[in-house]
């Protein structure tokens, strides 16, 4: 999977912050939850517009060594 298929950076949405495509769920929110020890199973009900694949894409986005987020 390529994170670019699931994440967008659009200046018109959330001030250009990386979000899950088709939502206003910011990648940073997902990563913050994971860093706080919240499981995928706990995150999904809190953000019903995202999927497990979106959570994985957020991790891949954060791990992208080139940081070509656009």
C-alpha atoms as a PDB file:
ATOM      1  CA  UNK A   1       0.000   0.000   0.000  1.00  0.00           C
ATOM      2  CA  UNK A   2       1.142   3.520  -0.733  1.00  0.00           C
ATOM      3  CA  UNK A   3       0.093   6.046   1.924  1.00  0.00           C
ATOM      4  CA  UNK A   4      -0.566   8.553  -0.893  1.00  0.00           C
ATOM      5  CA  UNK A   5      -3.641   6.506  -1.840  1.00  0.00           C
ATOM      6  CA  UNK A   6      -5.255   7.245   1.540  1.00  0.00           C
ATOM      7  CA  UNK A   7      -3.802  10.550   2.744  1.00  0.00           C
ATOM      8  CA  UNK A   8      -4.161  14.000   1.261  1.00  0.00           C
ATOM      9  CA  UNK A   9      -2.646  17.379   1.992  1.00  0.00           C
ATOM     10  CA  UNK A  10      -4.985  20.100   0.757  1.00  0.00           C
ATOM     11  CA  UNK A  11      -4.667  23.744   1.795  1.00  0.00           C
ATOM     12  CA  UNK A  12      -8.483  23.971   1.686  1.00  0.00           C
ATOM     13  CA  UNK A  13      -8.917  21.199   4.276  1.00  0.00           C
ATOM     14  CA  UNK A  14      -7.665  21.544   7.862  1.00  0.00           C
ATOM     15  CA  UNK A  15      -5.229  24.284   6.819  1.00  0.00           C
ATOM     16  CA  UNK A  16      -3.183  21.864   4.724  1.00  0.00           C
ATOM     17  CA  UNK A  17      -2.625  19.360   7.510  1.00  0.00           C
ATOM     18  CA  UNK A  18      -2.341  15.756   6.333  1.00  0.00           C
ATOM     19  CA  UNK A  19      -5.757  14.076   6.592  1.00  0.00           C
ATOM     20  CA  UNK A  20      -7.305  10.781   5.663  1.00  0.00           C
ATOM     21  CA  UNK A  21      -8.795  11.298   2.201  1.00  0.00           C
ATOM     22  CA  UNK A  22     -12.480  12.138   2.204  1.00  0.00           C
ATOM     23  CA  UNK A  23     -12.433  13.051   5.904  1.00  0.00           C
ATOM     24  CA  UNK A  24     -11.175  15.739   8.218  1.00  0.00           C
ATOM     25  CA  UNK A  25      -9.444  13.183  10.420  1.00  0.00           C
ATOM     26  CA  UNK A  26      -5.891  14.411  10.706  1.00  0.00           C
ATOM     27  CA  UNK A  27      -2.996  11.973  10.509  1.00  0.00           C
ATOM     28  CA  UNK A  28      -1.515  13.636  13.597  1.00  0.00           C
ATOM     29  CA  UNK A  29      -4.614  12.728  15.623  1.00  0.00           C
ATOM     30  CA  UNK A  30      -4.273   9.082  14.654  1.00  0.00           C
ATOM     31  CA  UNK A  31      -0.561   9.094  15.462  1.00  0.00           C
ATOM     32  CA  UNK A  32      -1.149  10.839  18.788  1.00  0.00           C
ATOM     33  CA  UNK A  33      -3.675   8.175  19.737  1.00  0.00           C
ATOM     34  CA  UNK A  34      -1.289   5.372  18.792  1.00  0.00           C
ATOM     35  CA  UNK A  35       1.559   7.039  20.710  1.00  0.00           C
ATOM     36  CA  UNK A  36      -0.705   7.235  23.761  1.00  0.00           C
ATOM     37  CA  UNK A  37      -1.213   3.472  23.591  1.00  0.00           C
ATOM     38  CA  UNK A  38      -4.701   3.533  22.087  1.00  0.00           C
ATOM     39  CA  UNK A  39      -5.224   0.385  20.008  1.00  0.00           C
ATOM     40  CA  UNK A  40      -6.492   0.258  16.445  1.00  0.00           C
ATOM     41  CA  UNK A  41      -9.646  -1.374  17.779  1.00  0.00           C
ATOM     42  CA  UNK A  42     -10.230   1.575  20.100  1.00  0.00           C
ATOM     43  CA  UNK A  43      -9.469   4.222  17.479  1.00  0.00           C
ATOM     44  CA  UNK A  44     -11.846   2.927  14.812  1.00  0.00           C
ATOM     45  CA  UNK A  45     -15.117   3.449  16.739  1.00  0.00           C
ATOM     46  CA  UNK A  46     -13.977   6.946  17.702  1.00  0.00           C
ATOM     47  CA  UNK A  47     -13.475   7.854  14.030  1.00  0.00           C
ATOM     48  CA  UNK A  48     -16.063   5.823  12.086  1.00  0.00           C
ATOM     49  CA  UNK A  49     -15.087   7.402   8.757  1.00  0.00           C
ATOM     50  CA  UNK A  50     -11.657   5.720   8.762  1.00  0.00           C
ATOM     51  CA  UNK A  51     -10.550   2.115   8.355  1.00  0.00           C
ATOM     52  CA  UNK A  52      -7.721  -0.031   9.641  1.00  0.00           C
ATOM     53  CA  UNK A  53      -5.968   0.576   6.314  1.00  0.00           C
ATOM     54  CA  UNK A  54      -6.140   4.323   6.998  1.00  0.00           C
ATOM     55  CA  UNK A  55      -4.400   3.820  10.345  1.00  0.00           C
ATOM     56  CA  UNK A  56      -1.693   1.813   8.601  1.00  0.00           C
ATOM     57  CA  UNK A  57      -1.334   4.576   5.995  1.00  0.00           C
ATOM     58  CA  UNK A  58      -0.870   7.124   8.798  1.00  0.00           C
ATOM     59  CA  UNK A  59       1.989   5.036  10.189  1.00  0.00           C
ATOM     60  CA  UNK A  60       3.566   4.740   6.751  1.00  0.00           C
ATOM     61  CA  UNK A  61       3.203   8.504   6.241  1.00  0.00           C
ATOM     62  CA  UNK A  62       5.016   9.149   9.516  1.00  0.00           C
ATOM     63  CA  UNK A  63       7.748   6.682   8.630  1.00  0.00           C
ATOM     64  CA  UNK A  64       8.339   8.035   5.123  1.00  0.00           C
ATOM     65  CA  UNK A  65      12.048   8.899   5.192  1.00  0.00           C
ATOM     66  CA  UNK A  66      11.744  11.453   2.415  1.00  0.00           C
ATOM     67  CA  UNK A  67       8.863  13.328   4.043  1.00  0.00           C
ATOM     68  CA  UNK A  68       7.381  14.006   0.620  1.00  0.00           C
ATOM     69  CA  UNK A  69       3.936  14.625   2.036  1.00  0.00           C
ATOM     70  CA  UNK A  70       2.247  16.310  -0.823  1.00  0.00           C
END
